[in-house]
C-alpha atoms as a PDB file:
ATOM      1  CA  MET A   1     -22.014 -30.654   0.945  1.00  0.00           C
ATOM      2  CA  ASP A   2     -25.451 -30.580  -0.126  1.00  0.00           C
ATOM      3  CA  ASN A   3     -26.749 -28.570  -2.718  1.00  0.00           C
ATOM      4  CA  GLY A   4     -28.741 -26.187  -0.569  1.00  0.00           C
ATOM      5  CA  ASN A   5     -25.303 -25.413   1.495  1.00  0.00           C
ATOM      6  CA  GLU A   6     -23.258 -24.463  -1.832  1.00  0.00           C
ATOM      7  CA  ASP A   7     -26.436 -22.139  -2.901  1.00  0.00           C
ATOM      8  CA  LEU A   8     -26.372 -20.720   0.687  1.00  0.00           C
ATOM      9  CA  TYR A   9     -22.717 -19.695   0.768  1.00  0.00           C
ATOM     10  CA  GLN A  10     -23.144 -18.470  -2.946  1.00  0.00           C
ATOM     11  CA  LEU A  11     -26.024 -16.224  -1.665  1.00  0.00           C
ATOM     12  CA  LEU A  12     -23.631 -14.957   1.537  1.00  0.00           C
ATOM     13  CA  THR A  13     -20.829 -14.289  -0.561  1.00  0.00           C
ATOM     14  CA  TYR A  14     -22.980 -12.356  -3.218  1.00  0.00           C
ATOM     15  CA  LEU A  15     -24.821 -10.287  -0.397  1.00  0.00           C
ATOM     16  CA  ILE A  16     -21.489  -9.456   1.448  1.00  0.00           C
ATOM     17  CA  VAL A  17     -19.664  -8.135  -2.015  1.00  0.00           C
ATOM     18  CA  VAL A  18     -23.060  -5.933  -2.598  1.00  0.00           C
ATOM     19  CA  ILE A  19     -22.637  -4.705   0.971  1.00  0.00           C
ATOM     20  CA  VAL A  20     -19.183  -4.001   0.722  1.00  0.00           C
ATOM     21  CA  SER A  21     -19.127  -2.606  -2.678  1.00  0.00           C
ATOM     22  CA  SER A  22     -22.005  -0.471  -1.845  1.00  0.00           C
ATOM     23  CA  ILE A  23     -20.285   0.737   1.806  1.00  0.00           C
ATOM     24  CA  ILE A  24     -17.355   1.730  -0.212  1.00  0.00           C
ATOM     25  CA  MET A  25     -19.147   3.772  -2.976  1.00  0.00           C
ATOM     26  CA  VAL A  26     -20.598   5.364  -0.256  1.00  0.00           C
ATOM     27  CA  ALA A  27     -17.671   6.510   1.335  1.00  0.00           C
ATOM     28  CA  TRP A  28     -16.138   7.330  -1.832  1.00  0.00           C
ATOM     29  CA  LEU A  29     -18.825   9.698  -2.584  1.00  0.00           C
ATOM     30  CA  LYS A  30     -18.946  11.553   0.401  1.00  0.00           C
ATOM     31  CA  ARG A  31     -15.212  12.305   0.044  1.00  0.00           C
ATOM     32  CA  LYS A  32     -15.847  13.407  -3.598  1.00  0.00           C
ATOM     33  CA  GLY A  33     -19.158  15.232  -2.323  1.00  0.00           C
ATOM     34  CA  ARG A  34     -17.308  16.961  -0.008  1.00  0.00           C
ATOM     35  CA  ARG A  35     -14.580  18.228  -2.418  1.00  0.00           C
ATOM     36  CA  SER A  36     -17.099  19.360  -4.991  1.00  0.00           C
ATOM     37  CA  ALA A  37     -19.282  21.114  -2.702  1.00  0.00           C
ATOM     38  CA  SER A  38     -16.257  23.349  -1.200  1.00  0.00           C
ATOM     39  CA  LYS A  39     -15.483  23.698  -5.164  1.00  0.00           C
ATOM     40  CA  ARG A  40     -19.347  24.989  -5.751  1.00  0.00           C
ATOM     41  CA  ASP A  41     -19.299  27.054  -2.642  1.00  0.00           C
ATOM     42  CA  ALA A  42     -15.901  28.859  -3.900  1.00  0.00           C
ATOM     43  CA  GLU A  43     -17.265  29.760  -7.076  1.00  0.00           C
END
């Protein structure tokens, strides 16, 4: 493998990790946000 290919795979892996983690965080915050929002409305 050329160093260029290794750098490309490293960059792709980093991007995938960031994208997946951001999607998980958004989904988790949406679930938590709905629960906290309902609690605020109850108060």
